[in-house]
Every structure is written in structure tokens, then in C-alpha cells.
PDB file of N, CA and C in Angstrom:
ATOM      1  N   MET A   1      -2.815  28.381  10.123  1.00  0.00           N
ATOM      2  CA  MET A   1      -1.890  28.316   9.006  1.00  0.00           C
ATOM      3  C   MET A   1      -1.726  27.081   9.341  1.00  0.00           C
ATOM      4  N   GLN A   2      -1.350  26.436  10.962  1.00  0.00           N
ATOM      5  CA  GLN A   2      -0.611  26.095  11.836  1.00  0.00           C
ATOM      6  C   GLN A   2      -1.191  25.147  11.548  1.00  0.00           C
ATOM      7  N   GLY A   3      -2.116  24.606  12.311  1.00  0.00           N
ATOM      8  CA  GLY A   3      -3.237  23.965  11.835  1.00  0.00           C
ATOM      9  C   GLY A   3      -3.203  22.698  11.386  1.00  0.00           C
ATOM     10  N   ALA A   4      -3.318  24.113   9.666  1.00  0.00           N
ATOM     11  CA  ALA A   4      -3.353  23.419   7.952  1.00  0.00           C
ATOM     12  C   ALA A   4      -1.882  22.622   7.969  1.00  0.00           C
ATOM     13  N   LEU A   5      -1.318  22.939   8.365  1.00  0.00           N
ATOM     14  CA  LEU A   5      -0.203  22.024   7.896  1.00  0.00           C
ATOM     15  C   LEU A   5       0.069  20.499   9.005  1.00  0.00           C
ATOM     16  N   ALA A   6      -0.052  20.847  10.097  1.00  0.00           N
ATOM     17  CA  ALA A   6      -0.586  19.575  11.341  1.00  0.00           C
ATOM     18  C   ALA A   6      -0.621  18.472  10.430  1.00  0.00           C
ATOM     19  N   ARG A   7      -2.201  19.524   9.853  1.00  0.00           N
ATOM     20  CA  ARG A   7      -4.071  17.846   9.378  1.00  0.00           C
ATOM     21  C   ARG A   7      -3.060  17.835   8.522  1.00  0.00           C
ATOM     22  N   ALA A   8      -2.177  18.167   7.646  1.00  0.00           N
ATOM     23  CA  ALA A   8      -1.618  17.759   6.258  1.00  0.00           C
ATOM     24  C   ALA A   8      -0.132  16.548   5.903  1.00  0.00           C
ATOM     25  N   LYS A   9       0.505  16.962   7.395  1.00  0.00           N
ATOM     26  CA  LYS A   9       0.995  16.614   7.824  1.00  0.00           C
ATOM     27  C   LYS A   9       0.596  15.456   8.158  1.00  0.00           C
ATOM     28  N   ALA A  10      -0.654  14.604   8.575  1.00  0.00           N
ATOM     29  CA  ALA A  10      -0.908  13.453   9.581  1.00  0.00           C
ATOM     30  C   ALA A  10      -2.023  12.718   8.411  1.00  0.00           C
ATOM     31  N   LEU A  11      -2.072  13.248   7.400  1.00  0.00           N
ATOM     32  CA  LEU A  11      -2.962  13.832   6.210  1.00  0.00           C
ATOM     33  C   LEU A  11      -1.346  12.289   5.111  1.00  0.00           C
ATOM     34  N   ARG A  12      -0.957  12.223   5.916  1.00  0.00           N
ATOM     35  CA  ARG A  12       0.317  11.808   4.773  1.00  0.00           C
ATOM     36  C   ARG A  12       0.374  11.399   5.457  1.00  0.00           C
ATOM     37  N   ARG A  13       0.613  10.305   6.609  1.00  0.00           N
ATOM     38  CA  ARG A  13       0.182   9.131   7.334  1.00  0.00           C
ATOM     39  C   ARG A  13      -0.822   8.459   7.484  1.00  0.00           C
ATOM     40  N   ILE A  14      -1.916   8.850   6.669  1.00  0.00           N
ATOM     41  CA  ILE A  14      -2.314   7.731   6.872  1.00  0.00           C
ATOM     42  C   ILE A  14      -1.837   7.501   5.302  1.00  0.00           C
ATOM     43  N   ILE A  15      -1.680   8.692   4.266  1.00  0.00           N
ATOM     44  CA  ILE A  15      -1.342   7.820   3.260  1.00  0.00           C
ATOM     45  C   ILE A  15      -1.230   7.327   2.762  1.00  0.00           C
ATOM     46  N   GLN A  16       0.502   6.973   3.469  1.00  0.00           N
ATOM     47  CA  GLN A  16       1.568   6.238   3.480  1.00  0.00           C
ATOM     48  C   GLN A  16       1.144   4.476   4.329  1.00  0.00           C
ATOM     49  N   HIS A  17       0.251   5.042   5.349  1.00  0.00           N
ATOM     50  CA  HIS A  17      -0.110   3.335   6.338  1.00  0.00           C
ATOM     51  C   HIS A  17      -1.338   2.958   6.179  1.00  0.00           C
ATOM     52  N   ALA A  18      -2.325   3.371   5.444  1.00  0.00           N
ATOM     53  CA  ALA A  18      -3.397   3.069   5.111  1.00  0.00           C
ATOM     54  C   ALA A  18      -3.543   2.121   5.051  1.00  0.00           C
ATOM     55  N   GLU A  19      -4.315   0.806   5.175  1.00  0.00           N
ATOM     56  CA  GLU A  19      -4.872  -0.562   5.212  1.00  0.00           C
ATOM     57  C   GLU A  19      -5.473  -0.544   3.992  1.00  0.00           C
ATOM     58  N   ASN A  20      -6.978   0.216   3.194  1.00  0.00           N
ATOM     59  CA  ASN A  20      -7.699  -0.362   2.726  1.00  0.00           C
ATOM     60  C   ASN A  20      -7.566   1.493   1.531  1.00  0.00           C
ATOM     61  N   GLN A  21      -7.417   1.022   1.140  1.00  0.00           N
ATOM     62  CA  GLN A  21      -7.573   2.162  -0.843  1.00  0.00           C
ATOM     63  C   GLN A  21      -8.636   2.195  -0.885  1.00  0.00           C
ATOM     64  N   LEU A  22      -9.308   2.500   0.172  1.00  0.00           N
ATOM     65  CA  LEU A  22     -10.930   3.731  -0.240  1.00  0.00           C
ATOM     66  C   LEU A  22     -10.534   4.639   1.085  1.00  0.00           C
ATOM     67  N   ARG A  23      -9.535   4.497   2.112  1.00  0.00           N
ATOM     68  CA  ARG A  23      -9.326   4.988   3.329  1.00  0.00           C
ATOM     69  C   ARG A  23      -7.972   5.624   2.856  1.00  0.00           C
ATOM     70  N   ARG A  24      -7.181   6.059   2.078  1.00  0.00           N
ATOM     71  CA  ARG A  24      -5.699   6.282   0.786  1.00  0.00           C
ATOM     72  C   ARG A  24      -6.764   7.305   0.535  1.00  0.00           C
ATOM     73  N   ASP A  25      -7.040   6.310  -0.713  1.00  0.00           N
ATOM     74  CA  ASP A  25      -8.305   7.574  -1.305  1.00  0.00           C
ATOM     75  C   ASP A  25      -8.522   8.813  -1.398  1.00  0.00           C
ATOM     76  N   ALA A  26      -9.446   8.346   0.201  1.00  0.00           N
ATOM     77  CA  ALA A  26      -9.863   9.638   0.354  1.00  0.00           C
ATOM     78  C   ALA A  26      -8.872  10.381   1.176  1.00  0.00           C
ATOM     79  N   ALA A  27      -8.304  10.235   1.450  1.00  0.00           N
ATOM     80  CA  ALA A  27      -7.277  10.402   2.095  1.00  0.00           C
ATOM     81  C   ALA A  27      -6.283  12.035   1.430  1.00  0.00           C
ATOM     82  N   ILE A  28      -6.514  11.245   0.370  1.00  0.00           N
ATOM     83  CA  ILE A  28      -5.700  11.556  -0.572  1.00  0.00           C
ATOM     84  C   ILE A  28      -6.407  12.860  -1.084  1.00  0.00           C
ATOM     85  N   ILE A  29      -7.620  12.807  -1.388  1.00  0.00           N
ATOM     86  CA  ILE A  29      -7.880  14.160  -2.059  1.00  0.00           C
ATOM     87  C   ILE A  29      -8.193  14.993  -1.001  1.00  0.00           C
ATOM     88  N   THR A  30      -8.087  15.591   0.249  1.00  0.00           N
ATOM     89  CA  THR A  30      -7.989  15.718   1.442  1.00  0.00           C
ATOM     90  C   THR A  30      -7.558  16.761   1.494  1.00  0.00           C
ATOM     91  N   TYR A  31      -6.078  16.064   1.317  1.00  0.00           N
ATOM     92  CA  TYR A  31      -4.957  16.763   1.582  1.00  0.00           C
ATOM     93  C   TYR A  31      -4.466  16.917  -0.498  1.00  0.00           C
ATOM     94  N   THR A  32      -5.171  16.942  -1.100  1.00  0.00           N
ATOM     95  CA  THR A  32      -4.475  17.567  -1.911  1.00  0.00           C
ATOM     96  C   THR A  32      -5.294  18.562  -1.647  1.00  0.00           C
ATOM     97  N   ARG A  33      -6.499  18.215  -1.377  1.00  0.00           N
ATOM     98  CA  ARG A  33      -7.698  19.518  -1.292  1.00  0.00           C
ATOM     99  C   ARG A  33      -7.013  21.046  -0.141  1.00  0.00           C
ATOM    100  N   LEU A  34      -6.026  19.929   0.920  1.00  0.00           N
ATOM    101  CA  LEU A  34      -5.416  20.844   1.744  1.00  0.00           C
ATOM    102  C   LEU A  34      -3.880  21.622   1.323  1.00  0.00           C
ATOM    103  N   ILE A  35      -4.003  21.351   0.673  1.00  0.00           N
ATOM    104  CA  ILE A  35      -1.845  21.946  -0.161  1.00  0.00           C
ATOM    105  C   ILE A  35      -2.763  23.035  -0.958  1.00  0.00           C
ATOM    106  N   ASP A  36      -4.016  22.874  -1.851  1.00  0.00           N
ATOM    107  CA  ASP A  36      -4.218  23.085  -2.995  1.00  0.00           C
ATOM    108  C   ASP A  36      -4.810  24.799  -1.609  1.00  0.00           C
ATOM    109  N   ASP A  37      -5.309  24.577  -0.412  1.00  0.00           N
ATOM    110  CA  ASP A  37      -6.167  25.530   0.260  1.00  0.00           C
ATOM    111  C   ASP A  37      -4.885  26.733   0.808  1.00  0.00           C
ATOM    112  N   LEU A  38      -4.006  25.815   1.354  1.00  0.00           N
ATOM    113  CA  LEU A  38      -2.267  26.675   1.686  1.00  0.00           C
ATOM    114  C   LEU A  38      -1.231  27.171   0.543  1.00  0.00           C
ATOM    115  N   ILE A  39      -1.883  27.023  -0.873  1.00  0.00           N
ATOM    116  CA  ILE A  39      -1.100  27.327  -1.842  1.00  0.00           C
ATOM    117  C   ILE A  39      -1.846  28.347  -2.576  1.00  0.00           C
ATOM    118  N   GLU A  40      -2.673  28.212  -1.892  1.00  0.00           N
ATOM    119  CA  GLU A  40      -4.150  30.035  -2.097  1.00  0.00           C
ATOM    120  C   GLU A  40      -3.103  31.376  -0.762  1.00  0.00           C
ATOM    121  N   ARG A  41      -3.018  31.066  -0.523  1.00  0.00           N
ATOM    122  CA  ARG A  41      -2.655  31.019   1.410  1.00  0.00           C
ATOM    123  C   ARG A  41      -1.573  32.113   1.125  1.00  0.00           C
ATOM    124  N   LEU A  42      -0.468  30.707   0.940  1.00  0.00           N
ATOM    125  CA  LEU A  42       0.574  31.813   0.276  1.00  0.00           C
ATOM    126  C   LEU A  42       0.941  32.846  -0.660  1.00  0.00           C
ATOM    127  N   HIS A  43       0.019  32.372  -2.082  1.00  0.00           N
ATOM    128  CA  HIS A  43       0.275  33.388  -2.444  1.00  0.00           C
ATOM    129  C   HIS A  43      -0.570  34.439  -2.192  1.00  0.00           C
ATOM    130  N   ALA A  44      -2.008  34.809  -1.957  1.00  0.00           N
ATOM    131  CA  ALA A  44      -2.291  36.383  -1.127  1.00  0.00           C
ATOM    132  C   ALA A  44      -1.709  36.531  -0.772  1.00  0.00           C
ATOM    133  N   LEU A  45      -0.104  36.334   0.650  1.00  0.00           N
ATOM    134  CA  LEU A  45       0.770  36.645   1.493  1.00  0.00           C
ATOM    135  C   LEU A  45       1.916  37.183   0.245  1.00  0.00           C
ATOM    136  N   ASN A  46       2.418  36.244  -0.591  1.00  0.00           N
ATOM    137  CA  ASN A  46       3.330  36.992  -1.653  1.00  0.00           C
ATOM    138  C   ASN A  46       2.183  38.514  -2.317  1.00  0.00           C
ATOM    139  N   GLU A  47       1.101  38.380  -3.059  1.00  0.00           N
ATOM    140  CA  GLU A  47       0.678  38.972  -2.882  1.00  0.00           C
ATOM    141  C   GLU A  47       0.521  40.596  -2.165  1.00  0.00           C
ATOM    142  N   ALA A  48       0.128  40.191  -1.156  1.00  0.00           N
ATOM    143  CA  ALA A  48       0.474  41.134  -0.159  1.00  0.00           C
ATOM    144  C   ALA A  48       2.013  41.856   0.289  1.00  0.00           C
ATOM    145  N   GLY A  49       3.054  40.991  -0.548  1.00  0.00           N
ATOM    146  CA  GLY A  49       4.161  41.711   0.479  1.00  0.00           C
ATOM    147  C   GLY A  49       4.478  41.896   1.347  1.00  0.00           C
ATOM    148  N   VAL A  50       4.259  40.180   1.920  1.00  0.00           N
ATOM    149  CA  VAL A  50       4.752  39.642   3.141  1.00  0.00           C
ATOM    150  C   VAL A  50       5.753  39.100   2.953  1.00  0.00           C
ATOM    151  N   PHE A  51       6.451  37.729   2.539  1.00  0.00           N
ATOM    152  CA  PHE A  51       7.963  37.696   2.223  1.00  0.00           C
ATOM    153  C   PHE A  51       8.960  38.482   1.813  1.00  0.00           C
ATOM    154  N   GLU A  52       8.929  39.215   1.250  1.00  0.00           N
ATOM    155  CA  GLU A  52       9.787  40.198   0.477  1.00  0.00           C
ATOM    156  C   GLU A  52       9.799  41.409   2.282  1.00  0.00           C
ATOM    157  N   ARG A  53       8.854  41.799   2.897  1.00  0.00           N
ATOM    158  CA  ARG A  53       8.950  42.495   3.578  1.00  0.00           C
ATOM    159  C   ARG A  53       9.761  41.499   5.140  1.00  0.00           C
ATOM    160  N   VAL A  54       9.774  40.632   5.299  1.00  0.00           N
ATOM    161  CA  VAL A  54      10.625  39.603   5.946  1.00  0.00           C
ATOM    162  C   VAL A  54      11.710  39.562   5.630  1.00  0.00           C
ATOM    163  N   VAL A  55      11.818  39.298   4.093  1.00  0.00           N
ATOM    164  CA  VAL A  55      12.801  39.439   3.598  1.00  0.00           C
ATOM    165  C   VAL A  55      13.804  40.380   4.147  1.00  0.00           C
ATOM    166  N   HIS A  56      13.089  41.690   3.469  1.00  0.00           N
ATOM    167  CA  HIS A  56      13.630  42.890   3.857  1.00  0.00           C
ATOM    168  C   HIS A  56      14.159  43.026   5.269  1.00  0.00           C
ATOM    169  N   LEU A  57      13.143  42.486   5.562  1.00  0.00           N
ATOM    170  CA  LEU A  57      14.044  42.375   7.713  1.00  0.00           C
ATOM    171  C   LEU A  57      14.582  41.824   8.606  1.00  0.00           C
ATOM    172  N   ILE A  58      14.511  40.745   7.962  1.00  0.00           N
ATOM    173  CA  ILE A  58      16.265  39.688   7.938  1.00  0.00           C
ATOM    174  C   ILE A  58      17.707  40.438   7.514  1.00  0.00           C
ATOM    175  N   GLU A  59      17.561  40.919   6.475  1.00  0.00           N
ATOM    176  CA  GLU A  59      18.668  41.360   6.198  1.00  0.00           C
ATOM    177  C   GLU A  59      19.026  43.473   7.007  1.00  0.00           C
ATOM    178  N   ALA A  60      18.551  43.696   6.968  1.00  0.00           N
ATOM    179  CA  ALA A  60      18.191  44.721   7.966  1.00  0.00           C
ATOM    180  C   ALA A  60      18.546  45.009   9.593  1.00  0.00           C
ATOM    181  N   GLU A  61      18.334  43.301   9.965  1.00  0.00           N
ATOM    182  CA  GLU A  61      18.606  43.074  11.587  1.00  0.00           C
ATOM    183  C   GLU A  61      20.706  43.244  10.934  1.00  0.00           C
ATOM    184  N   PRO A  62      20.719  43.448  12.599  1.00  0.00           N
ATOM    185  CA  PRO A  62      22.836  44.383  12.532  1.00  0.00           C
ATOM    186  C   PRO A  62      22.684  42.353  12.248  1.00  0.00           C
ATOM    187  N   ASP A  63      24.326  42.387  12.085  1.00  0.00           N
ATOM    188  CA  ASP A  63      25.228  40.234  12.171  1.00  0.00           C
ATOM    189  C   ASP A  63      25.009  40.012  14.021  1.00  0.00           C
ATOM    190  N   ALA A  64      24.311  38.772  14.268  1.00  0.00           N
ATOM    191  CA  ALA A  64      24.331  38.314  15.676  1.00  0.00           C
ATOM    192  C   ALA A  64      25.114  38.200  16.547  1.00  0.00           C
ATOM    193  N   GLU A  65      26.585  38.247  15.172  1.00  0.00           N
ATOM    194  CA  GLU A  65      28.140  38.231  15.974  1.00  0.00           C
ATOM    195  C   GLU A  65      28.346  39.219  15.756  1.00  0.00           C
ATOM    196  N   GLY A  66      28.141  39.991  15.564  1.00  0.00           N
ATOM    197  CA  GLY A  66      28.961  41.435  15.139  1.00  0.00           C
ATOM    198  C   GLY A  66      28.506  42.831  16.048  1.00  0.00           C
TER     199      GLY A  66
END
């Protein structure tokens, strides 16, 4: 997933700074597909209960200051 996030960041730079419309449009299409894939992965993690468990673990940790 980290690789996909890095690729999305690179594509955003291309979209913002592309010198021609064709390159920009191609980057937008690729970026959109990549974001869609990342959202599907997040949904799968959510359905598996990963986020609930992480929140539970964070809330169960002893206070670092105390």
C-alpha cells in the first residue's frame, strides 16, 4: 500500500506540472484508478475489523505521561 501511496503522490505532481494535456490526462486516469484501488483496500481492511482493533489497541495503551 505504501508503494501505491508514493505513486499517487508522484502522479499528483505530474498532474500539477504536466507540460501537455495528453500527459496530464493520462496521469489523471492512472491516478483515479490508483485511488479507486486504495479505497477498495481500505474498505476490505475496514470490513476485516482492522480499524476497530487499532482504535481498541490505542485506547488500551497506558498513558505515556503517567
